[in-house]
C-alpha atoms as a PDB file:
ATOM      1  CA  MET A   1      31.629-139.939  38.405  1.00  0.00           C
ATOM      2  CA  THR A   2      31.001-141.395  34.343  1.00  0.00           C
ATOM      3  CA  ALA A   3      29.123-144.178  33.266  1.00  0.00           C
ATOM      4  CA  PRO A   4      31.378-146.710  33.003  1.00  0.00           C
ATOM      5  CA  ALA A   5      32.809-147.487  29.111  1.00  0.00           C
ATOM      6  CA  ALA A   6      31.013-150.565  28.699  1.00  0.00           C
ATOM      7  CA  ARG A   7      27.789-148.665  28.834  1.00  0.00           C
ATOM      8  CA  SER A   8      28.552-146.509  25.571  1.00  0.00           C
ATOM      9  CA  GLY A   9      26.450-147.155  22.773  1.00  0.00           C
ATOM     10  CA  THR A  10      24.558-150.660  24.010  1.00  0.00           C
ATOM     11  CA  PRO A  11      21.829-150.848  26.282  1.00  0.00           C
ATOM     12  CA  PHE A  12      21.592-150.808  29.579  1.00  0.00           C
ATOM     13  CA  GLY A  13      20.543-154.773  30.867  1.00  0.00           C
ATOM     14  CA  VAL A  14      18.614-154.997  33.385  1.00  0.00           C
ATOM     15  CA  LEU A  15      17.220-158.668  35.138  1.00  0.00           C
ATOM     16  CA  VAL A  16      14.498-158.956  37.475  1.00  0.00           C
ATOM     17  CA  VAL A  17      14.408-162.008  40.138  1.00  0.00           C
ATOM     18  CA  CYS A  18      11.347-163.570  41.826  1.00  0.00           C
ATOM     19  CA  THR A  19      10.540-167.606  42.877  1.00  0.00           C
ATOM     20  CA  GLY A  20       7.700-168.757  40.208  1.00  0.00           C
ATOM     21  CA  ASN A  21       8.491-165.370  37.556  1.00  0.00           C
ATOM     22  CA  VAL A  22       4.470-164.538  37.620  1.00  0.00           C
ATOM     23  CA  CYS A  23       4.242-162.674  39.991  1.00  0.00           C
ATOM     24  CA  ARG A  24       6.421-159.920  41.677  1.00  0.00           C
ATOM     25  CA  SER A  25       9.077-160.226  39.535  1.00  0.00           C
ATOM     26  CA  PRO A  26       7.054-159.685  35.816  1.00  0.00           C
ATOM     27  CA  VAL A  27       5.373-156.968  37.876  1.00  0.00           C
ATOM     28  CA  ALA A  28       9.054-155.109  38.668  1.00  0.00           C
ATOM     29  CA  GLU A  29       9.555-155.017  34.415  1.00  0.00           C
ATOM     30  CA  ALA A  30       6.450-153.883  33.179  1.00  0.00           C
ATOM     31  CA  LEU A  31       6.621-150.775  36.242  1.00  0.00           C
ATOM     32  CA  LEU A  32      10.525-149.963  35.640  1.00  0.00           C
ATOM     33  CA  ARG A  33       9.338-150.506  31.915  1.00  0.00           C
ATOM     34  CA  GLU A  34       6.889-147.749  32.258  1.00  0.00           C
ATOM     35  CA  GLN A  35       7.972-145.241  34.281  1.00  0.00           C
ATOM     36  CA  LEU A  36      11.834-145.248  32.673  1.00  0.00           C
ATOM     37  CA  GLY A  37       9.447-144.694  29.574  1.00  0.00           C
ATOM     38  CA  PRO A  38       9.577-146.017  25.889  1.00  0.00           C
ATOM     39  CA  VAL A  39      13.274-143.488  24.837  1.00  0.00           C
ATOM     40  CA  ALA A  40      15.029-144.907  27.288  1.00  0.00           C
ATOM     41  CA  ASP A  41      18.673-146.701  26.513  1.00  0.00           C
ATOM     42  CA  VAL A  42      17.448-149.821  28.745  1.00  0.00           C
ATOM     43  CA  THR A  43      16.279-153.370  28.728  1.00  0.00           C
ATOM     44  CA  VAL A  44      14.204-155.253  31.295  1.00  0.00           C
ATOM     45  CA  ALA A  45      13.497-158.777  31.545  1.00  0.00           C
ATOM     46  CA  SER A  46      12.499-161.122  34.248  1.00  0.00           C
ATOM     47  CA  ALA A  47      13.375-165.189  35.598  1.00  0.00           C
ATOM     48  CA  GLY A  48      12.211-166.968  38.465  1.00  0.00           C
ATOM     49  CA  LEU A  49      14.626-169.475  40.447  1.00  0.00           C
ATOM     50  CA  SER A  50      11.722-172.048  40.038  1.00  0.00           C
ATOM     51  CA  ALA A  51      10.296-170.744  37.145  1.00  0.00           C
ATOM     52  CA  LEU A  52       6.692-171.977  36.188  1.00  0.00           C
ATOM     53  CA  THR A  53       8.016-171.611  33.138  1.00  0.00           C
ATOM     54  CA  GLY A  54       5.449-170.912  30.081  1.00  0.00           C
ATOM     55  CA  ALA A  55       2.812-169.071  32.681  1.00  0.00           C
ATOM     56  CA  GLY A  56       1.259-166.759  32.174  1.00  0.00           C
ATOM     57  CA  LEU A  57       0.939-163.324  34.512  1.00  0.00           C
ATOM     58  CA  ASP A  58      -0.940-165.521  37.993  1.00  0.00           C
ATOM     59  CA  ALA A  59      -4.319-163.400  37.829  1.00  0.00           C
ATOM     60  CA  GLY A  60      -3.889-162.167  41.490  1.00  0.00           C
ATOM     61  CA  ALA A  61      -0.811-160.043  40.809  1.00  0.00           C
ATOM     62  CA  ALA A  62      -2.679-159.132  36.682  1.00  0.00           C
ATOM     63  CA  ALA A  63      -5.395-157.467  39.250  1.00  0.00           C
ATOM     64  CA  ALA A  64      -3.608-156.249  41.976  1.00  0.00           C
ATOM     65  CA  LEU A  65      -1.342-154.423  39.156  1.00  0.00           C
ATOM     66  CA  GLY A  66      -4.426-153.499  36.898  1.00  0.00           C
ATOM     67  CA  ASP A  67      -3.513-155.383  33.945  1.00  0.00           C
ATOM     68  CA  PRO A  68      -2.986-158.815  32.503  1.00  0.00           C
ATOM     69  CA  LEU A  69       0.806-158.480  30.813  1.00  0.00           C
ATOM     70  CA  PRO A  70      -0.864-161.302  27.721  1.00  0.00           C
ATOM     71  CA  ASP A  71       2.517-161.056  25.698  1.00  0.00           C
ATOM     72  CA  PHE A  72       4.395-162.262  29.265  1.00  0.00           C
ATOM     73  CA  ARG A  73       5.967-165.959  29.226  1.00  0.00           C
ATOM     74  CA  ALA A  74       7.601-166.920  32.753  1.00  0.00           C
ATOM     75  CA  ARG A  75      11.293-168.026  32.157  1.00  0.00           C
ATOM     76  CA  GLN A  76      13.659-169.863  34.350  1.00  0.00           C
ATOM     77  CA  VAL A  77      16.742-167.604  35.443  1.00  0.00           C
ATOM     78  CA  THR A  78      20.137-168.864  34.387  1.00  0.00           C
ATOM     79  CA  PRO A  79      23.539-168.201  35.522  1.00  0.00           C
ATOM     80  CA  GLU A  80      24.207-166.465  31.760  1.00  0.00           C
ATOM     81  CA  GLY A  81      20.816-164.430  32.198  1.00  0.00           C
ATOM     82  CA  VAL A  82      22.941-162.987  35.917  1.00  0.00           C
ATOM     83  CA  SER A  83      26.370-162.401  34.194  1.00  0.00           C
ATOM     84  CA  GLU A  84      24.710-160.810  31.188  1.00  0.00           C
ATOM     85  CA  ALA A  85      22.824-157.973  32.954  1.00  0.00           C
ATOM     86  CA  ASP A  86      24.191-154.848  34.006  1.00  0.00           C
ATOM     87  CA  LEU A  87      22.167-154.477  37.123  1.00  0.00           C
ATOM     88  CA  VAL A  88      19.974-157.465  38.493  1.00  0.00           C
ATOM     89  CA  LEU A  89      16.905-156.977  41.132  1.00  0.00           C
ATOM     90  CA  THR A  90      15.532-160.220  43.102  1.00  0.00           C
ATOM     91  CA  MET A  91      12.349-159.509  45.638  1.00  0.00           C
ATOM     92  CA  THR A  92      14.372-160.522  48.353  1.00  0.00           C
ATOM     93  CA  ARG A  93      17.487-160.767  50.242  1.00  0.00           C
ATOM     94  CA  VAL A  94      17.812-165.375  49.876  1.00  0.00           C
ATOM     95  CA  HIS A  95      16.646-164.730  45.794  1.00  0.00           C
ATOM     96  CA  ARG A  96      19.844-162.412  45.831  1.00  0.00           C
ATOM     97  CA  SER A  97      22.030-164.727  47.838  1.00  0.00           C
ATOM     98  CA  GLU A  98      21.409-167.859  45.901  1.00  0.00           C
ATOM     99  CA  LEU A  99      21.588-166.501  42.461  1.00  0.00           C
ATOM    100  CA  VAL A 100      25.500-164.638  43.257  1.00  0.00           C
ATOM    101  CA  GLN A 101      25.801-168.368  44.228  1.00  0.00           C
ATOM    102  CA  GLN A 102      25.051-169.371  40.738  1.00  0.00           C
ATOM    103  CA  ALA A 103      27.095-165.703  39.788  1.00  0.00           C
ATOM    104  CA  PRO A 104      29.506-164.800  41.905  1.00  0.00           C
ATOM    105  CA  LEU A 105      31.363-162.552  39.694  1.00  0.00           C
ATOM    106  CA  ALA A 106      27.432-160.613  39.732  1.00  0.00           C
ATOM    107  CA  LEU A 107      27.551-159.866  43.301  1.00  0.00           C
ATOM    108  CA  ARG A 108      28.259-156.032  43.032  1.00  0.00           C
ATOM    109  CA  ARG A 109      25.821-155.362  40.267  1.00  0.00           C
ATOM    110  CA  THR A 110      23.055-157.482  42.362  1.00  0.00           C
ATOM    111  CA  PHE A 111      20.895-155.986  45.343  1.00  0.00           C
ATOM    112  CA  SER A 112      17.045-156.865  46.078  1.00  0.00           C
ATOM    113  CA  LEU A 113      14.951-153.944  44.844  1.00  0.00           C
ATOM    114  CA  ARG A 114      13.772-152.241  47.887  1.00  0.00           C
ATOM    115  CA  GLU A 115      17.512-152.395  49.069  1.00  0.00           C
ATOM    116  CA  PHE A 116      18.819-150.763  45.554  1.00  0.00           C
ATOM    117  CA  ALA A 117      15.620-147.585  45.824  1.00  0.00           C
ATOM    118  CA  ALA A 118      17.136-146.727  48.728  1.00  0.00           C
ATOM    119  CA  LEU A 119      20.664-146.911  47.858  1.00  0.00           C
ATOM    120  CA  ALA A 120      19.542-145.063  44.696  1.00  0.00           C
ATOM    121  CA  GLY A 121      17.979-142.478  47.231  1.00  0.00           C
ATOM    122  CA  LEU A 122      21.483-142.033  48.922  1.00  0.00           C
ATOM    123  CA  ALA A 123      23.232-142.053  46.043  1.00  0.00           C
ATOM    124  CA  VAL A 124      20.947-138.712  45.056  1.00  0.00           C
ATOM    125  CA  ASP A 125      21.189-137.028  47.540  1.00  0.00           C
ATOM    126  CA  GLU A 126      25.414-136.945  47.742  1.00  0.00           C
ATOM    127  CA  GLY A 127      25.613-136.687  44.316  1.00  0.00           C
ATOM    128  CA  HIS A 128      27.295-139.889  43.152  1.00  0.00           C
ATOM    129  CA  VAL A 129      24.636-140.146  39.807  1.00  0.00           C
ATOM    130  CA  ALA A 130      25.909-138.518  36.833  1.00  0.00           C
ATOM    131  CA  GLY A 131      24.651-138.826  33.290  1.00  0.00           C
ATOM    132  CA  ALA A 132      22.672-137.843  30.259  1.00  0.00           C
ATOM    133  CA  GLY A 133      19.841-139.977  30.316  1.00  0.00           C
ATOM    134  CA  PRO A 134      18.651-143.650  32.477  1.00  0.00           C
ATOM    135  CA  ALA A 135      21.171-146.029  30.888  1.00  0.00           C
ATOM    136  CA  GLU A 136      23.941-143.802  31.980  1.00  0.00           C
ATOM    137  CA  ARG A 137      22.259-142.999  35.481  1.00  0.00           C
ATOM    138  CA  LEU A 138      21.477-146.784  36.302  1.00  0.00           C
ATOM    139  CA  ALA A 139      25.142-147.494  35.219  1.00  0.00           C
ATOM    140  CA  THR A 140      26.513-144.804  37.874  1.00  0.00           C
ATOM    141  CA  LEU A 141      24.181-145.420  39.949  1.00  0.00           C
ATOM    142  CA  THR A 142      24.757-149.439  40.161  1.00  0.00           C
ATOM    143  CA  ALA A 143      28.604-148.396  40.135  1.00  0.00           C
ATOM    144  CA  ALA A 144      28.050-146.399  43.730  1.00  0.00           C
ATOM    145  CA  ALA A 145      25.413-148.472  45.465  1.00  0.00           C
ATOM    146  CA  PRO A 146      28.449-151.174  46.656  1.00  0.00           C
ATOM    147  CA  ARG A 147      29.745-148.344  48.044  1.00  0.00           C
ATOM    148  CA  LEU A 148      26.990-147.280  50.190  1.00  0.00           C
ATOM    149  CA  ARG A 149      25.877-150.093  51.538  1.00  0.00           C
ATOM    150  CA  SER A 150      27.540-149.911  55.232  1.00  0.00           C
ATOM    151  CA  ARG A 151      25.743-146.489  55.129  1.00  0.00           C
ATOM    152  CA  ARG A 152      22.609-148.424  56.154  1.00  0.00           C
ATOM    153  CA  VAL A 153      21.040-151.355  57.149  1.00  0.00           C
ATOM    154  CA  PRO A 154      20.074-154.265  55.344  1.00  0.00           C
ATOM    155  CA  GLY A 155      16.460-155.938  57.301  1.00  0.00           C
ATOM    156  CA  PRO A 156      12.891-157.275  56.133  1.00  0.00           C
ATOM    157  CA  ASP A 157      11.925-153.626  54.722  1.00  0.00           C
ATOM    158  CA  ASP A 158      14.239-154.467  51.982  1.00  0.00           C
ATOM    159  CA  ASP A 159      12.409-157.831  51.019  1.00  0.00           C
ATOM    160  CA  VAL A 160       9.094-158.206  49.089  1.00  0.00           C
ATOM    161  CA  GLU A 161       6.920-160.791  50.353  1.00  0.00           C
ATOM    162  CA  ASP A 162       5.609-163.739  48.194  1.00  0.00           C
ATOM    163  CA  PRO A 163       1.596-163.074  47.254  1.00  0.00           C
ATOM    164  CA  TYR A 164       1.845-166.446  45.233  1.00  0.00           C
ATOM    165  CA  GLY A 165      -1.749-168.183  45.959  1.00  0.00           C
ATOM    166  CA  ARG A 166      -2.356-165.969  48.544  1.00  0.00           C
ATOM    167  CA  SER A 167      -5.463-162.492  48.814  1.00  0.00           C
ATOM    168  CA  PRO A 168      -6.210-159.905  47.267  1.00  0.00           C
ATOM    169  CA  GLU A 169      -4.966-157.873  50.017  1.00  0.00           C
ATOM    170  CA  ASP A 170      -1.463-159.633  50.320  1.00  0.00           C
ATOM    171  CA  HIS A 171      -1.366-158.850  46.418  1.00  0.00           C
ATOM    172  CA  ALA A 172      -2.161-155.314  46.551  1.00  0.00           C
ATOM    173  CA  ARG A 173       0.272-155.014  49.330  1.00  0.00           C
ATOM    174  CA  ALA A 174       3.156-156.359  46.682  1.00  0.00           C
ATOM    175  CA  VAL A 175       1.952-154.552  44.282  1.00  0.00           C
ATOM    176  CA  ARG A 176       2.271-151.109  46.139  1.00  0.00           C
ATOM    177  CA  ARG A 177       5.934-152.004  47.187  1.00  0.00           C
ATOM    178  CA  ILE A 178       7.307-152.872  44.491  1.00  0.00           C
ATOM    179  CA  ARG A 179       5.713-149.791  42.362  1.00  0.00           C
ATOM    180  CA  GLU A 180       7.385-148.040  45.673  1.00  0.00           C
ATOM    181  CA  ALA A 181      10.476-148.679  45.153  1.00  0.00           C
ATOM    182  CA  VAL A 182      10.207-148.600  41.373  1.00  0.00           C
ATOM    183  CA  ALA A 183       9.193-145.507  41.035  1.00  0.00           C
ATOM    184  CA  THR A 184      12.272-144.176  43.672  1.00  0.00           C
ATOM    185  CA  VAL A 185      14.615-145.692  41.026  1.00  0.00           C
ATOM    186  CA  ALA A 186      13.302-144.863  37.851  1.00  0.00           C
ATOM    187  CA  ALA A 187      13.324-140.949  39.513  1.00  0.00           C
ATOM    188  CA  ALA A 188      16.742-141.690  40.481  1.00  0.00           C
ATOM    189  CA  ALA A 189      17.666-142.045  36.666  1.00  0.00           C
ATOM    190  CA  GLY A 190      15.933-138.994  35.398  1.00  0.00           C
ATOM    191  CA  ALA A 191      12.980-140.972  33.926  1.00  0.00           C
ATOM    192  CA  PRO A 192      10.018-138.816  34.573  1.00  0.00           C
ATOM    193  CA  ARG A 193       7.029-140.086  36.885  1.00  0.00           C
ATOM    194  CA  THR A 194       3.840-141.234  33.940  1.00  0.00           C
ATOM    195  CA  ARG A 195       1.140-143.035  35.178  1.00  0.00           C
ATOM    196  CA  ALA A 196      -1.834-143.750  33.946  1.00  0.00           C
ATOM    197  CA  ALA A 197      -4.888-142.759  35.887  1.00  0.00           C
ATOM    198  CA  ASP A 198      -6.327-146.024  36.460  1.00  0.00           C
ATOM    199  CA  GLY A 199      -2.293-147.159  37.955  1.00  0.00           C
ATOM    200  CA  ALA A 200      -2.884-149.271  34.613  1.00  0.00           C
ATOM    201  CA  VAL A 201       0.525-150.660  33.133  1.00  0.00           C
ATOM    202  CA  ARG A 202       0.774-149.059  29.059  1.00  0.00           C
ATOM    203  CA  ALA A 203       2.106-150.604  26.754  1.00  0.00           C
END
């Protein structure tokens, strides 16, 4: 399998979406950028279905992540943003359903993060991934994932529960589940798995 022609010479765009865009999706955005690496021809952004527009990263999420992401500001998702992304990753199955209603043409490239990680693992195991770098490999993963959906049963493990306004333990659990899924996706994309010793995200 080869990467879609549209990927040639252009960055591969990933959009991560949650509810308020102050906890889960900015964490996933930061971790994807970190694990894919600065040389990857991939852009990563995040947004919220009911965004707290202009707000920074939630303090609980920052503590669990180990980085306040000082330059981050929440933004509202738009149908145009969904349509323009090459891969859309949501935090829950409900988020995915809502986004697909807004942008039906994005159906086959919109997944929950943990669902996509599981499908990426299947794609790698079955030899459906090709490409010279993360952008091309993500393109082939995105193309292969819909065909592999019938191979697994979706369920609650595909969701990352919202920790907003909850305990430090809830934030830590959410970050851990996001980090696990991102590591799987990054590995499938051929990116080196590197992280600071304290777990903090480094720009």
